[in-house]
Amino acid sequence: MKIGDYEQIISTIGHYLEGARLGKGDVMRPAFHSDATIFGYVGPDFWAGPIQSLYDWNDKNGPAPEIVSKVVAIDIVETIAVAKVESDNWTGYRFTDFFTLIKVDGEWKIMNKVFHLHA
């Protein structure tokens, strides 16, 4: 693992977290590859589809100024990575996210977000 890759991944995830804090999907957008997807459950309902649905939900959900988030794990192998992020008080919600990332043209991008919404 290269320290520079670790720092770039933290920066990429930072766009996602800043977008959550501000309630703005467009702030999240630079973190994700244009073909990224999202999967998880909201109660009994399965949420699956293009990442645009996250941006839309985030815009509707609004700012989360009290959110507390931490990147708790990153595993990197050359041009691929997996990251685990814990977020609490995202407008009252608690999430665990797993991101798969890929290095595209020298930049780390999230390809997939799989989440668990804690009850």
C-alpha atoms as a PDB file:
ATOM      1  CA  MET A   1       0.000   0.000   0.000  1.00  0.00           C
ATOM      2  CA  LYS A   2       1.220   3.466  -0.854  1.00  0.00           C
ATOM      3  CA  ILE A   3       0.539   6.236   1.679  1.00  0.00           C
ATOM      4  CA  GLY A   4      -0.407   8.559  -1.190  1.00  0.00           C
ATOM      5  CA  ASP A   5      -3.178   6.175  -2.278  1.00  0.00           C
ATOM      6  CA  TYR A   6      -4.496   5.983   1.283  1.00  0.00           C
ATOM      7  CA  GLU A   7      -4.608   9.786   1.518  1.00  0.00           C
ATOM      8  CA  GLN A   8      -6.305  10.083  -1.883  1.00  0.00           C
ATOM      9  CA  ILE A   9      -8.986   7.596  -0.836  1.00  0.00           C
ATOM     10  CA  ILE A  10      -9.603   9.546   2.381  1.00  0.00           C
ATOM     11  CA  SER A  11      -9.952  12.695   0.243  1.00  0.00           C
ATOM     12  CA  THR A  12     -12.385  10.954  -2.139  1.00  0.00           C
ATOM     13  CA  ILE A  13     -14.549   9.770   0.744  1.00  0.00           C
ATOM     14  CA  GLY A  14     -14.338  13.303   2.151  1.00  0.00           C
ATOM     15  CA  HIS A  15     -16.390  14.559  -0.826  1.00  0.00           C
ATOM     16  CA  TYR A  16     -19.093  12.038   0.060  1.00  0.00           C
ATOM     17  CA  LEU A  17     -19.109  13.036   3.730  1.00  0.00           C
ATOM     18  CA  GLU A  18     -19.069  16.772   2.989  1.00  0.00           C
ATOM     19  CA  GLY A  19     -22.028  16.295   0.644  1.00  0.00           C
ATOM     20  CA  ALA A  20     -23.867  14.516   3.466  1.00  0.00           C
ATOM     21  CA  ARG A  21     -23.098  17.329   5.909  1.00  0.00           C
ATOM     22  CA  LEU A  22     -24.269  19.994   3.446  1.00  0.00           C
ATOM     23  CA  GLY A  23     -27.205  17.992   2.085  1.00  0.00           C
ATOM     24  CA  LYS A  24     -25.946  18.502  -1.473  1.00  0.00           C
ATOM     25  CA  GLY A  25     -25.645  15.618  -3.921  1.00  0.00           C
ATOM     26  CA  ASP A  26     -23.476  17.691  -6.251  1.00  0.00           C
ATOM     27  CA  VAL A  27     -20.830  17.972  -3.512  1.00  0.00           C
ATOM     28  CA  MET A  28     -20.795  14.146  -3.278  1.00  0.00           C
ATOM     29  CA  ARG A  29     -20.605  13.624  -7.025  1.00  0.00           C
ATOM     30  CA  PRO A  30     -16.766  13.960  -7.397  1.00  0.00           C
ATOM     31  CA  ALA A  31     -16.310  10.959  -5.083  1.00  0.00           C
ATOM     32  CA  PHE A  32     -18.156   8.595  -7.390  1.00  0.00           C
ATOM     33  CA  HIS A  33     -17.487   7.159 -10.817  1.00  0.00           C
ATOM     34  CA  SER A  34     -20.237   8.102 -13.278  1.00  0.00           C
ATOM     35  CA  ASP A  35     -21.281   4.422 -13.484  1.00  0.00           C
ATOM     36  CA  ALA A  36     -21.385   3.908  -9.685  1.00  0.00           C
ATOM     37  CA  THR A  37     -24.214   2.022  -8.013  1.00  0.00           C
ATOM     38  CA  ILE A  38     -25.852   1.815  -4.577  1.00  0.00           C
ATOM     39  CA  PHE A  39     -27.385  -1.121  -2.714  1.00  0.00           C
ATOM     40  CA  GLY A  40     -28.936  -1.582   0.729  1.00  0.00           C
ATOM     41  CA  TYR A  41     -32.153  -1.838   2.693  1.00  0.00           C
ATOM     42  CA  VAL A  42     -34.301   0.985   4.003  1.00  0.00           C
ATOM     43  CA  GLY A  43     -36.486  -0.931   6.444  1.00  0.00           C
ATOM     44  CA  PRO A  44     -37.869  -3.891   4.470  1.00  0.00           C
ATOM     45  CA  ASP A  45     -37.377  -2.122   1.120  1.00  0.00           C
ATOM     46  CA  PHE A  46     -34.391  -3.015  -1.052  1.00  0.00           C
ATOM     47  CA  TRP A  47     -32.683   0.043  -2.560  1.00  0.00           C
ATOM     48  CA  ALA A  48     -30.652  -0.667  -5.694  1.00  0.00           C
ATOM     49  CA  GLY A  49     -29.668   1.378  -8.678  1.00  0.00           C
ATOM     50  CA  PRO A  50     -27.497   4.112 -10.097  1.00  0.00           C
ATOM     51  CA  ILE A  51     -25.730   6.449  -7.663  1.00  0.00           C
ATOM     52  CA  GLN A  52     -27.899   9.358  -8.861  1.00  0.00           C
ATOM     53  CA  SER A  53     -30.588   8.012  -6.510  1.00  0.00           C
ATOM     54  CA  LEU A  54     -28.251   8.762  -3.558  1.00  0.00           C
ATOM     55  CA  TYR A  55     -27.706  12.327  -4.776  1.00  0.00           C
ATOM     56  CA  ASP A  56     -31.473  12.799  -5.137  1.00  0.00           C
ATOM     57  CA  TRP A  57     -32.150  11.370  -1.652  1.00  0.00           C
ATOM     58  CA  ASN A  58     -29.424  13.531  -0.138  1.00  0.00           C
ATOM     59  CA  ASP A  59     -30.818  16.695  -1.745  1.00  0.00           C
ATOM     60  CA  LYS A  60     -34.310  15.839  -0.439  1.00  0.00           C
ATOM     61  CA  ASN A  61     -33.045  14.792   3.013  1.00  0.00           C
ATOM     62  CA  GLY A  62     -31.217  18.094   3.499  1.00  0.00           C
ATOM     63  CA  PRO A  63     -28.153  19.131   5.506  1.00  0.00           C
ATOM     64  CA  ALA A  64     -26.809  16.993   8.336  1.00  0.00           C
ATOM     65  CA  PRO A  65     -24.688  19.486  10.300  1.00  0.00           C
ATOM     66  CA  GLU A  66     -24.472  17.132  13.312  1.00  0.00           C
ATOM     67  CA  ILE A  67     -23.204  14.115  11.352  1.00  0.00           C
ATOM     68  CA  VAL A  68     -20.225  12.301  12.859  1.00  0.00           C
ATOM     69  CA  SER A  69     -18.347  10.011  10.469  1.00  0.00           C
ATOM     70  CA  LYS A  70     -15.187   7.967  10.495  1.00  0.00           C
ATOM     71  CA  VAL A  71     -13.341   5.910   7.923  1.00  0.00           C
ATOM     72  CA  VAL A  72     -12.665   2.823  10.027  1.00  0.00           C
ATOM     73  CA  ALA A  73     -10.913   0.599   7.473  1.00  0.00           C
ATOM     74  CA  ILE A  74      -9.261   0.785   4.076  1.00  0.00           C
ATOM     75  CA  ASP A  75      -7.764  -2.141   2.191  1.00  0.00           C
ATOM     76  CA  ILE A  76      -5.836  -1.311  -1.002  1.00  0.00           C
ATOM     77  CA  VAL A  77      -4.456  -3.645  -3.664  1.00  0.00           C
ATOM     78  CA  GLU A  78      -2.742  -1.705  -6.453  1.00  0.00           C
ATOM     79  CA  THR A  79      -5.701  -0.152  -8.383  1.00  0.00           C
ATOM     80  CA  ILE A  80      -8.614  -1.394  -6.253  1.00  0.00           C
ATOM     81  CA  ALA A  81      -9.714  -0.702  -2.691  1.00  0.00           C
ATOM     82  CA  VAL A  82     -12.447  -1.315  -0.153  1.00  0.00           C
ATOM     83  CA  ALA A  83     -13.341   1.184   2.570  1.00  0.00           C
ATOM     84  CA  LYS A  84     -15.669   0.966   5.557  1.00  0.00           C
ATOM     85  CA  VAL A  85     -17.271   4.164   6.849  1.00  0.00           C
ATOM     86  CA  GLU A  86     -19.427   4.608   9.953  1.00  0.00           C
ATOM     87  CA  SER A  87     -21.755   7.624  10.095  1.00  0.00           C
ATOM     88  CA  ASP A  88     -23.955   8.622  13.004  1.00  0.00           C
ATOM     89  CA  ASN A  89     -26.628  11.289  13.228  1.00  0.00           C
ATOM     90  CA  TRP A  90     -27.117  11.737   9.486  1.00  0.00           C
ATOM     91  CA  THR A  91     -30.335  13.647  10.183  1.00  0.00           C
ATOM     92  CA  GLY A  92     -31.115  11.057  12.821  1.00  0.00           C
ATOM     93  CA  TYR A  93     -29.919   8.025  10.846  1.00  0.00           C
ATOM     94  CA  ARG A  94     -26.937   5.768  11.489  1.00  0.00           C
ATOM     95  CA  PHE A  95     -25.244   4.088   8.536  1.00  0.00           C
ATOM     96  CA  THR A  96     -22.458   1.624   7.902  1.00  0.00           C
ATOM     97  CA  ASP A  97     -21.140   1.934   4.349  1.00  0.00           C
ATOM     98  CA  PHE A  98     -18.820  -0.308   2.384  1.00  0.00           C
ATOM     99  CA  PHE A  99     -17.322   1.319  -0.693  1.00  0.00           C
ATOM    100  CA  THR A 100     -15.459  -0.382  -3.510  1.00  0.00           C
ATOM    101  CA  LEU A 101     -13.076   1.986  -5.239  1.00  0.00           C
ATOM    102  CA  ILE A 102     -10.966   1.861  -8.374  1.00  0.00           C
ATOM    103  CA  LYS A 103      -8.127   4.064  -9.514  1.00  0.00           C
ATOM    104  CA  VAL A 104      -9.136   5.555 -12.877  1.00  0.00           C
ATOM    105  CA  ASP A 105      -6.708   7.816 -14.730  1.00  0.00           C
ATOM    106  CA  GLY A 106      -4.779   8.348 -11.498  1.00  0.00           C
ATOM    107  CA  GLU A 107      -7.857   9.223  -9.385  1.00  0.00           C
ATOM    108  CA  TRP A 108      -9.657   7.072  -6.842  1.00  0.00           C
ATOM    109  CA  LYS A 109     -13.408   6.816  -7.515  1.00  0.00           C
ATOM    110  CA  ILE A 110     -16.137   4.978  -5.627  1.00  0.00           C
ATOM    111  CA  MET A 111     -17.719   2.384  -7.909  1.00  0.00           C
ATOM    112  CA  ASN A 112     -20.210   0.948  -5.450  1.00  0.00           C
ATOM    113  CA  LYS A 113     -21.803   1.849  -2.140  1.00  0.00           C
ATOM    114  CA  VAL A 114     -23.399  -0.919  -0.094  1.00  0.00           C
ATOM    115  CA  PHE A 115     -24.990   0.301   3.093  1.00  0.00           C
ATOM    116  CA  HIS A 116     -26.708  -0.840   6.265  1.00  0.00           C
ATOM    117  CA  LEU A 117     -29.210   1.530   7.870  1.00  0.00           C
ATOM    118  CA  HIS A 118     -29.212   0.785  11.598  1.00  0.00           C
ATOM    119  CA  ALA A 119     -32.589   0.615  13.316  1.00  0.00           C
END
